[in-house]
């Protein structure tokens, strides 16, 4: 019973991090579109959300394979900073697109919310990348979300098991943009496992 309660608590905490990230991204987009915040407020909100969200996602991924946040290597920290800076470099372009399609200009909010969801998907991508780096030689199984449609790449990768270092060597992870689904529509994730690894190497994508 205690184990079930603990597992439920972990699931809620994991959902909370991604849920908060999604809520903050969508809130910033809605605010700039509706005129309740200006471009400077939008950029400040996105900066804060991305830095905090990506850091939380990285810690979450590392902890999933038994690595605490204070145990990250310099390479892992540099990879996290690189992901944060890369994401921040696109926020100004998003701001201009929102302003062009703002409520005052007669634009619709729904297409912008769909675009925001593309940003939201990056949270799970960061979790997967942290797992593949921190896990090193831990075995990770690719699992898909049964409640989502699956692209051709995810169908091929579902159920395959490789060491984290192998997934990293071939630069393959859930939610990545090179997937046929574009990553933002992906519901896949890594799952640590003790099952036998899949023979050979991961398929080319």
Protein backbone atom coordinates (compact mmCIF):
# COMPACT_ATOMS: atom_id res chain seq x y z
CA UNK A 1 0.00 0.00 0.00
CA UNK A 2 2.80 2.41 0.89
CA UNK A 3 4.54 1.59 -2.39
CA UNK A 4 1.39 2.41 -4.34
CA UNK A 5 1.04 5.74 -2.54
CA UNK A 6 4.71 6.55 -3.20
CA UNK A 7 4.39 5.67 -6.89
CA UNK A 8 1.26 7.80 -7.19
CA UNK A 9 3.06 10.71 -5.55
CA UNK A 10 5.97 10.41 -8.01
CA UNK A 11 3.54 10.36 -10.95
CA UNK A 12 1.80 13.49 -9.66
CA UNK A 13 5.11 15.29 -9.17
CA UNK A 14 6.26 14.38 -12.69
CA UNK A 15 2.94 15.50 -14.14
CA UNK A 16 3.20 18.73 -12.15
CA UNK A 17 6.52 19.73 -13.70
CA UNK A 18 5.34 19.21 -17.25
CA UNK A 19 1.86 20.55 -16.47
CA UNK A 20 3.29 23.77 -15.03
CA UNK A 21 5.61 24.17 -18.00
CA UNK A 22 2.71 23.81 -20.45
CA UNK A 23 0.50 26.17 -18.44
CA UNK A 24 3.18 28.87 -18.31
CA UNK A 25 3.99 28.65 -22.02
CA UNK A 26 0.33 28.85 -22.98
CA UNK A 27 -0.24 31.67 -20.49
CA UNK A 28 2.55 33.75 -22.02
CA UNK A 29 1.25 33.16 -25.55
CA UNK A 30 -2.30 34.03 -24.53
CA UNK A 31 -1.13 37.13 -22.66
CA UNK A 32 0.81 38.58 -25.60
CA UNK A 33 -1.96 37.69 -28.06
CA UNK A 34 -4.60 39.36 -25.89
CA UNK A 35 -2.50 42.39 -25.02
CA UNK A 36 -2.36 41.82 -21.26
CA UNK A 37 1.44 41.69 -21.47
CA UNK A 38 3.83 43.37 -23.90
CA UNK A 39 6.72 41.80 -25.78
CA UNK A 40 9.15 42.47 -22.94
CA UNK A 41 6.87 40.78 -20.44
CA UNK A 42 6.45 37.86 -22.84
CA UNK A 43 10.18 37.39 -23.32
CA UNK A 44 10.80 37.64 -19.59
CA UNK A 45 8.10 35.05 -18.89
CA UNK A 46 9.42 32.67 -21.57
CA UNK A 47 12.99 33.09 -20.32
CA UNK A 48 11.97 32.23 -16.78
CA UNK A 49 9.73 29.33 -17.85
CA UNK A 50 12.30 27.73 -20.15
CA UNK A 51 15.20 28.00 -17.72
CA UNK A 52 13.17 26.62 -14.81
CA UNK A 53 11.28 24.04 -16.88
CA UNK A 54 14.27 22.62 -18.72
CA UNK A 55 16.24 22.40 -15.47
CA UNK A 56 13.38 20.55 -13.75
CA UNK A 57 12.98 18.23 -16.75
CA UNK A 58 16.72 17.45 -16.77
CA UNK A 59 16.73 16.69 -13.04
CA UNK A 60 13.66 14.50 -13.52
CA UNK A 61 15.33 12.50 -16.28
CA UNK A 62 18.54 12.07 -14.31
CA UNK A 63 16.70 10.99 -11.18
CA UNK A 64 14.79 8.38 -13.18
CA UNK A 65 18.08 6.51 -13.62
CA UNK A 66 19.34 7.13 -10.09
CA UNK A 67 21.38 10.32 -10.57
CA UNK A 68 20.70 13.26 -8.25
CA UNK A 69 20.86 16.87 -9.41
CA UNK A 70 24.09 17.49 -7.44
CA UNK A 71 25.74 14.52 -9.17
CA UNK A 72 25.54 15.84 -12.73
CA UNK A 73 28.79 15.92 -14.69
CA UNK A 74 30.12 19.03 -16.41
CA UNK A 75 29.16 17.50 -19.77
CA UNK A 76 25.59 17.03 -18.57
CA UNK A 77 25.39 20.58 -17.21
CA UNK A 78 26.80 21.98 -20.46
CA UNK A 79 24.27 19.95 -22.46
CA UNK A 80 21.46 21.38 -20.34
CA UNK A 81 22.72 24.95 -20.79
CA UNK A 82 23.00 24.35 -24.54
CA UNK A 83 19.39 23.15 -24.72
CA UNK A 84 18.20 26.16 -22.71
CA UNK A 85 20.10 28.66 -24.86
CA UNK A 86 18.94 26.97 -28.05
CA UNK A 87 15.31 27.23 -26.99
CA UNK A 88 15.66 30.84 -25.85
CA UNK A 89 17.04 31.79 -29.27
CA UNK A 90 13.61 31.11 -30.81
CA UNK A 91 11.47 33.12 -28.39
CA UNK A 92 11.78 36.44 -30.23
CA UNK A 93 10.56 34.87 -33.46
CA UNK A 94 7.59 33.42 -31.61
CA UNK A 95 6.83 36.81 -30.09
CA UNK A 96 6.74 38.50 -33.51
CA UNK A 97 4.47 35.78 -34.88
CA UNK A 98 2.05 36.22 -31.97
CA UNK A 99 2.01 40.01 -32.32
CA UNK A 100 1.30 39.72 -36.03
CA UNK A 101 -1.69 37.46 -35.30
CA UNK A 102 -2.75 39.26 -32.12
CA UNK A 103 -6.34 39.72 -30.99
CA UNK A 104 -6.06 43.43 -31.83
CA UNK A 105 -5.07 42.51 -35.39
CA UNK A 106 -7.98 40.11 -35.77
CA UNK A 107 -5.89 36.97 -35.30
CA UNK A 108 -7.20 33.71 -33.85
CA UNK A 109 -5.83 32.24 -30.62
CA UNK A 110 -6.28 28.54 -31.50
CA UNK A 111 -3.46 28.32 -34.09
CA UNK A 112 -1.11 30.01 -31.63
CA UNK A 113 -2.08 27.55 -28.89
CA UNK A 114 -1.27 24.72 -31.32
CA UNK A 115 2.10 26.32 -31.90
CA UNK A 116 2.58 26.61 -28.13
CA UNK A 117 2.04 22.85 -27.86
CA UNK A 118 5.10 22.36 -30.06
CA UNK A 119 7.10 24.18 -27.39
CA UNK A 120 5.43 22.20 -24.62
CA UNK A 121 6.67 18.91 -26.08
CA UNK A 122 10.25 19.96 -25.45
CA UNK A 123 9.84 19.23 -21.73
CA UNK A 124 9.59 15.47 -22.29
CA UNK A 125 12.39 15.64 -24.84
CA UNK A 126 14.68 17.14 -22.19
CA UNK A 127 13.70 14.39 -19.74
CA UNK A 128 14.66 11.77 -22.34
CA UNK A 129 17.95 13.44 -23.16
CA UNK A 130 18.90 13.67 -19.49
CA UNK A 131 18.06 9.98 -19.02
CA UNK A 132 20.23 8.97 -21.97
CA UNK A 133 23.20 10.98 -20.68
CA UNK A 134 22.90 10.25 -16.96
CA UNK A 135 22.03 6.60 -17.46
CA UNK A 136 25.18 5.87 -19.43
CA UNK A 137 25.03 2.07 -19.40
CA UNK A 138 21.54 1.69 -17.96
CA UNK A 139 19.17 -0.06 -20.35
CA UNK A 140 16.25 2.02 -21.59
CA UNK A 141 13.15 0.75 -23.37
CA UNK A 142 11.35 2.94 -25.91
CA UNK A 143 7.64 2.96 -25.00
CA UNK A 144 4.80 4.76 -26.71
CA UNK A 145 1.64 6.32 -25.32
CA UNK A 146 -1.22 3.95 -26.25
CA UNK A 147 -3.63 6.87 -26.30
CA UNK A 148 -1.79 8.69 -29.10
CA UNK A 149 -1.30 8.02 -32.79
CA UNK A 150 2.14 6.76 -33.70
CA UNK A 151 4.38 7.84 -36.55
CA UNK A 152 6.43 5.41 -38.64
CA UNK A 153 9.57 6.01 -36.57
CA UNK A 154 7.85 5.45 -33.24
CA UNK A 155 6.32 2.20 -34.50
CA UNK A 156 9.79 0.91 -35.38
CA UNK A 157 11.34 2.04 -32.10
CA UNK A 158 8.56 0.97 -29.72
CA UNK A 159 9.73 -1.81 -27.40
CA UNK A 160 13.38 -1.65 -28.43
CA UNK A 161 15.91 -1.77 -25.59
CA UNK A 162 19.44 -0.36 -25.75
CA UNK A 163 21.91 0.98 -23.25
CA UNK A 164 21.53 4.71 -22.71
CA UNK A 165 24.97 5.26 -24.22
CA UNK A 166 23.83 3.50 -27.41
CA UNK A 167 20.70 5.65 -27.72
CA UNK A 168 22.93 8.71 -27.17
CA UNK A 169 25.58 7.54 -29.67
CA UNK A 170 22.99 7.36 -32.46
CA UNK A 171 21.30 10.56 -31.23
CA UNK A 172 17.85 8.97 -30.94
CA UNK A 173 15.42 9.85 -28.16
CA UNK A 174 11.67 10.39 -27.70
CA UNK A 175 10.20 13.76 -28.67
CA UNK A 176 13.16 14.65 -30.88
CA UNK A 177 12.39 16.81 -33.92
CA UNK A 178 13.85 14.33 -36.43
CA UNK A 179 11.04 11.86 -35.79
CA UNK A 180 8.37 11.59 -38.48
CA UNK A 181 5.85 13.04 -36.00
CA UNK A 182 8.07 16.08 -35.52
CA UNK A 183 8.51 15.35 -31.83
CA UNK A 184 5.84 17.75 -30.62
CA UNK A 185 3.09 15.23 -31.39
CA UNK A 186 5.07 12.34 -29.90
CA UNK A 187 3.82 10.54 -26.80
CA UNK A 188 6.82 8.24 -26.40
CA UNK A 189 9.28 8.05 -23.51
CA UNK A 190 12.21 6.03 -22.16
CA UNK A 191 11.60 3.44 -19.45
CA UNK A 192 14.49 1.95 -17.44
CA UNK A 193 14.47 -1.84 -17.67
CA UNK A 194 16.48 -4.92 -16.73
CA UNK A 195 15.22 -6.92 -19.75
CA UNK A 196 17.63 -8.11 -22.42
CA UNK A 197 18.80 -5.49 -24.90
CA UNK A 198 17.60 -5.61 -28.49
CA UNK A 199 20.28 -7.22 -30.72
CA UNK A 200 22.13 -4.98 -33.14
CA UNK A 201 21.93 -1.23 -33.38
CA UNK A 202 18.96 1.15 -33.43
CA UNK A 203 17.30 1.60 -36.84
CA UNK A 204 18.19 4.64 -38.91
CA UNK A 205 15.65 7.44 -38.86
